[in-house]
Amino acid sequence: MPSNTHNVFISHYGHDDKHVQRLKQRLIANGQNVRNSSIDSTKHKNGKIPSDRVIARYLRRGISWAKTFICLIGPETHNRPWVNYEIREAYRQGKTIVGIYTHGSNNSVELPEAYKKYGGSPIGWNSLDKLADIMQGKVVAPENPDGTPSGPIHNIVRIKC
Protein backbone atom coordinates (compact mmCIF):
# COMPACT_ATOMS: atom_id res chain seq x y z
CA MET A 1 0.00 0.00 0.00
CA PRO A 2 1.51 3.40 -0.97
CA SER A 3 2.33 5.69 1.98
CA ASN A 4 -0.37 8.17 0.98
CA THR A 5 -3.09 5.50 1.10
CA HIS A 6 -4.98 5.48 4.40
CA ASN A 7 -7.65 3.18 5.81
CA VAL A 8 -10.08 5.42 7.69
CA PHE A 9 -13.47 5.29 9.32
CA ILE A 10 -15.34 8.59 8.88
CA SER A 11 -17.95 8.86 11.63
CA HIS A 12 -20.73 11.32 10.86
CA TYR A 13 -24.38 12.25 11.25
CA GLY A 14 -26.31 10.83 8.29
CA HIS A 15 -27.47 14.26 7.13
CA ASP A 16 -23.82 15.34 6.93
CA ASP A 17 -23.08 12.76 4.23
CA LYS A 18 -22.36 15.51 1.70
CA HIS A 19 -19.46 16.59 3.95
CA VAL A 20 -18.12 13.00 3.96
CA GLN A 21 -18.12 12.90 0.16
CA ARG A 22 -16.58 16.37 -0.04
CA LEU A 23 -13.88 15.47 2.51
CA LYS A 24 -12.93 12.35 0.53
CA GLN A 25 -12.77 14.40 -2.71
CA ARG A 26 -10.62 17.08 -1.08
CA LEU A 27 -8.23 14.52 0.42
CA ILE A 28 -7.81 12.88 -2.99
CA ALA A 29 -7.18 16.30 -4.59
CA ASN A 30 -4.59 16.87 -1.83
CA GLY A 31 -2.71 13.69 -2.77
CA GLN A 32 -4.20 11.43 -0.06
CA ASN A 33 -5.95 8.24 -1.08
CA VAL A 34 -8.48 7.30 1.61
CA ARG A 35 -10.38 4.06 1.87
CA ASN A 36 -13.40 4.66 4.09
CA SER A 37 -15.01 1.76 5.96
CA SER A 38 -17.90 3.73 7.47
CA ILE A 39 -21.49 3.64 6.26
CA ASP A 40 -22.09 6.50 3.84
CA SER A 41 -24.37 7.17 0.90
CA THR A 42 -22.14 5.15 -1.44
CA LYS A 43 -22.96 1.94 0.50
CA HIS A 44 -26.75 2.08 0.91
CA LYS A 45 -28.60 -0.96 -0.45
CA ASN A 46 -32.19 -0.76 -1.65
CA GLY A 47 -33.23 1.54 1.20
CA LYS A 48 -33.34 -1.37 3.69
CA ILE A 49 -32.56 -0.49 7.30
CA PRO A 50 -30.77 -3.28 9.18
CA SER A 51 -31.33 -4.01 12.87
CA ASP A 52 -29.29 -2.20 15.54
CA ARG A 53 -27.36 -5.40 16.23
CA VAL A 54 -26.36 -5.72 12.58
CA ILE A 55 -25.42 -2.03 12.43
CA ALA A 56 -23.27 -2.35 15.57
CA ARG A 57 -21.48 -5.41 14.15
CA TYR A 58 -20.83 -3.65 10.85
CA LEU A 59 -19.52 -0.56 12.66
CA ARG A 60 -17.18 -2.60 14.91
CA ARG A 61 -15.78 -4.39 11.87
CA GLY A 62 -15.34 -1.13 9.92
CA ILE A 63 -13.60 0.58 12.83
CA SER A 64 -11.36 -2.44 13.36
CA TRP A 65 -10.25 -2.33 9.72
CA ALA A 66 -9.38 1.38 9.82
CA LYS A 67 -6.17 2.80 11.23
CA THR A 68 -7.54 6.31 11.76
CA PHE A 69 -10.97 7.22 13.07
CA ILE A 70 -12.20 10.59 11.76
CA CYS A 71 -15.25 12.19 13.38
CA LEU A 72 -16.97 14.86 11.28
CA ILE A 73 -18.28 17.40 13.76
CA GLY A 74 -21.30 19.42 12.68
CA PRO A 75 -24.09 21.24 14.53
CA GLU A 76 -26.10 18.03 15.22
CA THR A 77 -23.29 15.48 15.63
CA HIS A 78 -23.29 15.65 19.44
CA ASN A 79 -26.93 14.42 19.49
CA ARG A 80 -26.30 11.26 17.48
CA PRO A 81 -26.12 8.02 19.55
CA TRP A 82 -24.38 6.04 16.81
CA VAL A 83 -21.61 8.65 16.57
CA ASN A 84 -20.99 8.33 20.31
CA TYR A 85 -21.05 4.53 19.97
CA GLU A 86 -18.49 4.70 17.15
CA ILE A 87 -16.17 6.97 19.13
CA ARG A 88 -16.31 4.68 22.18
CA GLU A 89 -15.65 1.67 19.97
CA ALA A 90 -12.70 3.40 18.27
CA TYR A 91 -11.25 4.19 21.69
CA ARG A 92 -11.82 0.61 22.87
CA GLN A 93 -9.95 -0.64 19.80
CA GLY A 94 -7.07 1.80 20.35
CA LYS A 95 -7.56 3.84 17.17
CA THR A 96 -6.21 7.30 16.49
CA ILE A 97 -9.27 9.54 16.92
CA VAL A 98 -9.37 12.91 15.19
CA GLY A 99 -12.27 15.33 14.89
CA ILE A 100 -12.71 17.65 11.95
CA TYR A 101 -15.33 20.38 11.95
CA THR A 102 -17.67 20.34 8.96
CA HIS A 103 -17.52 23.19 6.48
CA GLY A 104 -19.51 26.15 7.80
CA SER A 105 -19.36 25.08 11.45
CA ASN A 106 -18.50 27.78 13.88
CA ASN A 107 -17.20 27.96 17.42
CA SER A 108 -20.63 27.18 18.88
CA VAL A 109 -20.62 23.57 17.61
CA GLU A 110 -20.76 21.17 20.54
CA LEU A 111 -18.52 18.12 20.62
CA PRO A 112 -20.10 14.67 21.12
CA GLU A 113 -19.82 13.47 24.74
CA ALA A 114 -17.71 10.46 23.79
CA TYR A 115 -15.39 12.71 21.79
CA LYS A 116 -14.86 14.97 24.80
CA LYS A 117 -13.81 11.89 26.76
CA TYR A 118 -11.77 9.96 24.20
CA GLY A 119 -10.98 12.23 21.24
CA GLY A 120 -7.96 14.34 20.51
CA SER A 121 -8.02 18.02 19.69
CA PRO A 122 -10.30 18.65 16.69
CA ILE A 123 -9.09 20.49 13.60
CA GLY A 124 -10.76 22.88 11.16
CA TRP A 125 -12.32 21.91 7.82
CA ASN A 126 -9.48 23.50 5.84
CA SER A 127 -6.69 21.70 7.73
CA LEU A 128 -6.17 18.89 5.24
CA ASP A 129 -2.39 18.98 5.69
CA LYS A 130 -2.86 18.44 9.43
CA LEU A 131 -5.32 15.62 8.78
CA ALA A 132 -2.77 14.00 6.44
CA ASP A 133 -0.10 14.35 9.16
CA ILE A 134 -2.42 12.75 11.74
CA MET A 135 -3.20 9.86 9.37
CA GLN A 136 0.57 9.34 9.07
CA GLY A 137 0.89 9.18 12.85
CA LYS A 138 2.20 12.70 13.51
CA VAL A 139 1.02 14.90 16.38
CA VAL A 140 -0.46 18.31 15.46
CA ALA A 141 -1.41 21.38 17.49
CA PRO A 142 -5.11 21.75 18.43
CA GLU A 143 -7.19 24.38 16.68
CA ASN A 144 -10.62 26.01 16.59
CA PRO A 145 -13.21 25.38 13.84
CA ASP A 146 -11.84 28.39 11.93
CA GLY A 147 -8.31 26.96 11.99
CA THR A 148 -6.87 29.34 14.60
CA PRO A 149 -4.78 27.77 17.38
CA SER A 150 -6.65 26.62 20.50
CA GLY A 151 -5.85 25.02 23.79
CA PRO A 152 -6.22 21.30 24.36
CA ILE A 153 -9.59 19.84 25.38
CA HIS A 154 -8.03 18.33 28.48
CA ASN A 155 -5.18 19.79 30.49
CA ILE A 156 -2.83 16.89 31.01
CA VAL A 157 -0.46 17.06 33.94
CA ARG A 158 2.69 15.11 33.17
CA ILE A 159 4.66 13.73 36.09
CA LYS A 160 8.27 12.70 35.71
CA CYS A 161 8.84 9.35 37.39
C-alpha atoms as a PDB file:
ATOM      1  CA  MET A   1       0.000   0.000   0.000  1.00  0.00           C
ATOM      2  CA  PRO A   2       1.512   3.397  -0.970  1.00  0.00           C
ATOM      3  CA  SER A   3       2.333   5.689   1.976  1.00  0.00           C
ATOM      4  CA  ASN A   4      -0.369   8.173   0.977  1.00  0.00           C
ATOM      5  CA  THR A   5      -3.092   5.499   1.102  1.00  0.00           C
ATOM      6  CA  HIS A   6      -4.983   5.477   4.399  1.00  0.00           C
ATOM      7  CA  ASN A   7      -7.652   3.182   5.807  1.00  0.00           C
ATOM      8  CA  VAL A   8     -10.076   5.416   7.690  1.00  0.00           C
ATOM      9  CA  PHE A   9     -13.473   5.286   9.319  1.00  0.00           C
ATOM     10  CA  ILE A  10     -15.339   8.593   8.881  1.00  0.00           C
ATOM     11  CA  SER A  11     -17.945   8.859  11.632  1.00  0.00           C
ATOM     12  CA  HIS A  12     -20.730  11.318  10.859  1.00  0.00           C
ATOM     13  CA  TYR A  13     -24.380  12.254  11.254  1.00  0.00           C
ATOM     14  CA  GLY A  14     -26.311  10.830   8.292  1.00  0.00           C
ATOM     15  CA  HIS A  15     -27.473  14.256   7.132  1.00  0.00           C
ATOM     16  CA  ASP A  16     -23.815  15.342   6.932  1.00  0.00           C
ATOM     17  CA  ASP A  17     -23.079  12.764   4.227  1.00  0.00           C
ATOM     18  CA  LYS A  18     -22.361  15.506   1.698  1.00  0.00           C
ATOM     19  CA  HIS A  19     -19.464  16.587   3.946  1.00  0.00           C
ATOM     20  CA  VAL A  20     -18.119  13.000   3.956  1.00  0.00           C
ATOM     21  CA  GLN A  21     -18.123  12.902   0.162  1.00  0.00           C
ATOM     22  CA  ARG A  22     -16.576  16.367  -0.037  1.00  0.00           C
ATOM     23  CA  LEU A  23     -13.877  15.469   2.509  1.00  0.00           C
ATOM     24  CA  LYS A  24     -12.928  12.354   0.528  1.00  0.00           C
ATOM     25  CA  GLN A  25     -12.767  14.395  -2.710  1.00  0.00           C
ATOM     26  CA  ARG A  26     -10.617  17.080  -1.078  1.00  0.00           C
ATOM     27  CA  LEU A  27      -8.229  14.517   0.418  1.00  0.00           C
ATOM     28  CA  ILE A  28      -7.808  12.877  -2.992  1.00  0.00           C
ATOM     29  CA  ALA A  29      -7.178  16.295  -4.586  1.00  0.00           C
ATOM     30  CA  ASN A  30      -4.590  16.865  -1.825  1.00  0.00           C
ATOM     31  CA  GLY A  31      -2.710  13.690  -2.772  1.00  0.00           C
ATOM     32  CA  GLN A  32      -4.199  11.428  -0.061  1.00  0.00           C
ATOM     33  CA  ASN A  33      -5.950   8.243  -1.084  1.00  0.00           C
ATOM     34  CA  VAL A  34      -8.478   7.299   1.615  1.00  0.00           C
ATOM     35  CA  ARG A  35     -10.380   4.056   1.871  1.00  0.00           C
ATOM     36  CA  ASN A  36     -13.400   4.657   4.095  1.00  0.00           C
ATOM     37  CA  SER A  37     -15.013   1.762   5.963  1.00  0.00           C
ATOM     38  CA  SER A  38     -17.904   3.734   7.472  1.00  0.00           C
ATOM     39  CA  ILE A  39     -21.494   3.640   6.265  1.00  0.00           C
ATOM     40  CA  ASP A  40     -22.088   6.495   3.842  1.00  0.00           C
ATOM     41  CA  SER A  41     -24.373   7.172   0.895  1.00  0.00           C
ATOM     42  CA  THR A  42     -22.137   5.152  -1.439  1.00  0.00           C
ATOM     43  CA  LYS A  43     -22.965   1.944   0.498  1.00  0.00           C
ATOM     44  CA  HIS A  44     -26.745   2.077   0.906  1.00  0.00           C
ATOM     45  CA  LYS A  45     -28.598  -0.956  -0.447  1.00  0.00           C
ATOM     46  CA  ASN A  46     -32.193  -0.756  -1.651  1.00  0.00           C
ATOM     47  CA  GLY A  47     -33.235   1.543   1.200  1.00  0.00           C
ATOM     48  CA  LYS A  48     -33.342  -1.371   3.691  1.00  0.00           C
ATOM     49  CA  ILE A  49     -32.559  -0.486   7.300  1.00  0.00           C
ATOM     50  CA  PRO A  50     -30.770  -3.280   9.183  1.00  0.00           C
ATOM     51  CA  SER A  51     -31.327  -4.015  12.875  1.00  0.00           C
ATOM     52  CA  ASP A  52     -29.294  -2.195  15.538  1.00  0.00           C
ATOM     53  CA  ARG A  53     -27.355  -5.397  16.225  1.00  0.00           C
ATOM     54  CA  VAL A  54     -26.364  -5.720  12.579  1.00  0.00           C
ATOM     55  CA  ILE A  55     -25.421  -2.035  12.427  1.00  0.00           C
ATOM     56  CA  ALA A  56     -23.266  -2.354  15.569  1.00  0.00           C
ATOM     57  CA  ARG A  57     -21.480  -5.414  14.149  1.00  0.00           C
ATOM     58  CA  TYR A  58     -20.831  -3.649  10.850  1.00  0.00           C
ATOM     59  CA  LEU A  59     -19.517  -0.561  12.660  1.00  0.00           C
ATOM     60  CA  ARG A  60     -17.181  -2.603  14.913  1.00  0.00           C
ATOM     61  CA  ARG A  61     -15.782  -4.386  11.871  1.00  0.00           C
ATOM     62  CA  GLY A  62     -15.340  -1.126   9.925  1.00  0.00           C
ATOM     63  CA  ILE A  63     -13.599   0.579  12.834  1.00  0.00           C
ATOM     64  CA  SER A  64     -11.355  -2.445  13.362  1.00  0.00           C
ATOM     65  CA  TRP A  65     -10.254  -2.334   9.715  1.00  0.00           C
ATOM     66  CA  ALA A  66      -9.376   1.384   9.819  1.00  0.00           C
ATOM     67  CA  LYS A  67      -6.171   2.800  11.227  1.00  0.00           C
ATOM     68  CA  THR A  68      -7.536   6.313  11.759  1.00  0.00           C
ATOM     69  CA  PHE A  69     -10.974   7.221  13.074  1.00  0.00           C
ATOM     70  CA  ILE A  70     -12.201  10.589  11.762  1.00  0.00           C
ATOM     71  CA  CYS A  71     -15.251  12.193  13.376  1.00  0.00           C
ATOM     72  CA  LEU A  72     -16.974  14.858  11.280  1.00  0.00           C
ATOM     73  CA  ILE A  73     -18.279  17.398  13.764  1.00  0.00           C
ATOM     74  CA  GLY A  74     -21.299  19.419  12.683  1.00  0.00           C
ATOM     75  CA  PRO A  75     -24.092  21.236  14.528  1.00  0.00           C
ATOM     76  CA  GLU A  76     -26.096  18.030  15.220  1.00  0.00           C
ATOM     77  CA  THR A  77     -23.286  15.479  15.626  1.00  0.00           C
ATOM     78  CA  HIS A  78     -23.290  15.648  19.438  1.00  0.00           C
ATOM     79  CA  ASN A  79     -26.934  14.417  19.493  1.00  0.00           C
ATOM     80  CA  ARG A  80     -26.305  11.256  17.475  1.00  0.00           C
ATOM     81  CA  PRO A  81     -26.123   8.022  19.551  1.00  0.00           C
ATOM     82  CA  TRP A  82     -24.384   6.038  16.809  1.00  0.00           C
ATOM     83  CA  VAL A  83     -21.609   8.648  16.571  1.00  0.00           C
ATOM     84  CA  ASN A  84     -20.990   8.333  20.311  1.00  0.00           C
ATOM     85  CA  TYR A  85     -21.051   4.530  19.967  1.00  0.00           C
ATOM     86  CA  GLU A  86     -18.494   4.698  17.147  1.00  0.00           C
ATOM     87  CA  ILE A  87     -16.172   6.971  19.128  1.00  0.00           C
ATOM     88  CA  ARG A  88     -16.310   4.680  22.180  1.00  0.00           C
ATOM     89  CA  GLU A  89     -15.650   1.666  19.968  1.00  0.00           C
ATOM     90  CA  ALA A  90     -12.697   3.400  18.272  1.00  0.00           C
ATOM     91  CA  TYR A  91     -11.254   4.188  21.690  1.00  0.00           C
ATOM     92  CA  ARG A  92     -11.818   0.605  22.870  1.00  0.00           C
ATOM     93  CA  GLN A  93      -9.951  -0.640  19.805  1.00  0.00           C
ATOM     94  CA  GLY A  94      -7.068   1.796  20.354  1.00  0.00           C
ATOM     95  CA  LYS A  95      -7.558   3.838  17.165  1.00  0.00           C
ATOM     96  CA  THR A  96      -6.215   7.296  16.485  1.00  0.00           C
ATOM     97  CA  ILE A  97      -9.269   9.537  16.917  1.00  0.00           C
ATOM     98  CA  VAL A  98      -9.368  12.915  15.186  1.00  0.00           C
ATOM     99  CA  GLY A  99     -12.265  15.327  14.890  1.00  0.00           C
ATOM    100  CA  ILE A 100     -12.710  17.654  11.951  1.00  0.00           C
ATOM    101  CA  TYR A 101     -15.331  20.375  11.955  1.00  0.00           C
ATOM    102  CA  THR A 102     -17.671  20.340   8.958  1.00  0.00           C
ATOM    103  CA  HIS A 103     -17.520  23.187   6.484  1.00  0.00           C
ATOM    104  CA  GLY A 104     -19.508  26.145   7.802  1.00  0.00           C
ATOM    105  CA  SER A 105     -19.360  25.076  11.445  1.00  0.00           C
ATOM    106  CA  ASN A 106     -18.501  27.780  13.881  1.00  0.00           C
ATOM    107  CA  ASN A 107     -17.199  27.957  17.419  1.00  0.00           C
ATOM    108  CA  SER A 108     -20.631  27.184  18.875  1.00  0.00           C
ATOM    109  CA  VAL A 109     -20.615  23.570  17.612  1.00  0.00           C
ATOM    110  CA  GLU A 110     -20.763  21.174  20.536  1.00  0.00           C
ATOM    111  CA  LEU A 111     -18.522  18.122  20.622  1.00  0.00           C
ATOM    112  CA  PRO A 112     -20.103  14.668  21.122  1.00  0.00           C
ATOM    113  CA  GLU A 113     -19.821  13.473  24.742  1.00  0.00           C
ATOM    114  CA  ALA A 114     -17.709  10.462  23.794  1.00  0.00           C
ATOM    115  CA  TYR A 115     -15.390  12.707  21.788  1.00  0.00           C
ATOM    116  CA  LYS A 116     -14.861  14.972  24.802  1.00  0.00           C
ATOM    117  CA  LYS A 117     -13.807  11.892  26.758  1.00  0.00           C
ATOM    118  CA  TYR A 118     -11.772   9.958  24.198  1.00  0.00           C
ATOM    119  CA  GLY A 119     -10.981  12.230  21.240  1.00  0.00           C
ATOM    120  CA  GLY A 120      -7.964  14.338  20.506  1.00  0.00           C
ATOM    121  CA  SER A 121      -8.020  18.019  19.688  1.00  0.00           C
ATOM    122  CA  PRO A 122     -10.303  18.651  16.686  1.00  0.00           C
ATOM    123  CA  ILE A 123      -9.086  20.492  13.598  1.00  0.00           C
ATOM    124  CA  GLY A 124     -10.759  22.879  11.162  1.00  0.00           C
ATOM    125  CA  TRP A 125     -12.317  21.910   7.815  1.00  0.00           C
ATOM    126  CA  ASN A 126      -9.477  23.498   5.840  1.00  0.00           C
ATOM    127  CA  SER A 127      -6.692  21.703   7.729  1.00  0.00           C
ATOM    128  CA  LEU A 128      -6.166  18.885   5.244  1.00  0.00           C
ATOM    129  CA  ASP A 129      -2.393  18.981   5.693  1.00  0.00           C
ATOM    130  CA  LYS A 130      -2.864  18.436   9.426  1.00  0.00           C
ATOM    131  CA  LEU A 131      -5.316  15.618   8.782  1.00  0.00           C
ATOM    132  CA  ALA A 132      -2.766  13.998   6.445  1.00  0.00           C
ATOM    133  CA  ASP A 133      -0.105  14.350   9.161  1.00  0.00           C
ATOM    134  CA  ILE A 134      -2.417  12.751  11.736  1.00  0.00           C
ATOM    135  CA  MET A 135      -3.203   9.861   9.370  1.00  0.00           C
ATOM    136  CA  GLN A 136       0.573   9.344   9.066  1.00  0.00           C
ATOM    137  CA  GLY A 137       0.892   9.182  12.854  1.00  0.00           C
ATOM    138  CA  LYS A 138       2.203  12.699  13.514  1.00  0.00           C
ATOM    139  CA  VAL A 139       1.017  14.901  16.378  1.00  0.00           C
ATOM    140  CA  VAL A 140      -0.463  18.306  15.461  1.00  0.00           C
ATOM    141  CA  ALA A 141      -1.415  21.379  17.490  1.00  0.00           C
ATOM    142  CA  PRO A 142      -5.106  21.754  18.434  1.00  0.00           C
ATOM    143  CA  GLU A 143      -7.187  24.376  16.679  1.00  0.00           C
ATOM    144  CA  ASN A 144     -10.618  26.012  16.593  1.00  0.00           C
ATOM    145  CA  PRO A 145     -13.205  25.377  13.844  1.00  0.00           C
ATOM    146  CA  ASP A 146     -11.839  28.389  11.931  1.00  0.00           C
ATOM    147  CA  GLY A 147      -8.306  26.964  11.987  1.00  0.00           C
ATOM    148  CA  THR A 148      -6.872  29.338  14.604  1.00  0.00           C
ATOM    149  CA  PRO A 149      -4.776  27.769  17.384  1.00  0.00           C
ATOM    150  CA  SER A 150      -6.645  26.624  20.501  1.00  0.00           C
ATOM    151  CA  GLY A 151      -5.851  25.023  23.790  1.00  0.00           C
ATOM    152  CA  PRO A 152      -6.221  21.305  24.356  1.00  0.00           C
ATOM    153  CA  ILE A 153      -9.595  19.844  25.381  1.00  0.00           C
ATOM    154  CA  HIS A 154      -8.033  18.331  28.482  1.00  0.00           C
ATOM    155  CA  ASN A 155      -5.185  19.785  30.494  1.00  0.00           C
ATOM    156  CA  ILE A 156      -2.828  16.892  31.013  1.00  0.00           C
ATOM    157  CA  VAL A 157      -0.465  17.056  33.944  1.00  0.00           C
ATOM    158  CA  ARG A 158       2.689  15.108  33.169  1.00  0.00           C
ATOM    159  CA  ILE A 159       4.656  13.734  36.088  1.00  0.00           C
ATOM    160  CA  LYS A 160       8.271  12.697  35.714  1.00  0.00           C
ATOM    161  CA  CYS A 161       8.843   9.351  37.390  1.00  0.00           C
END
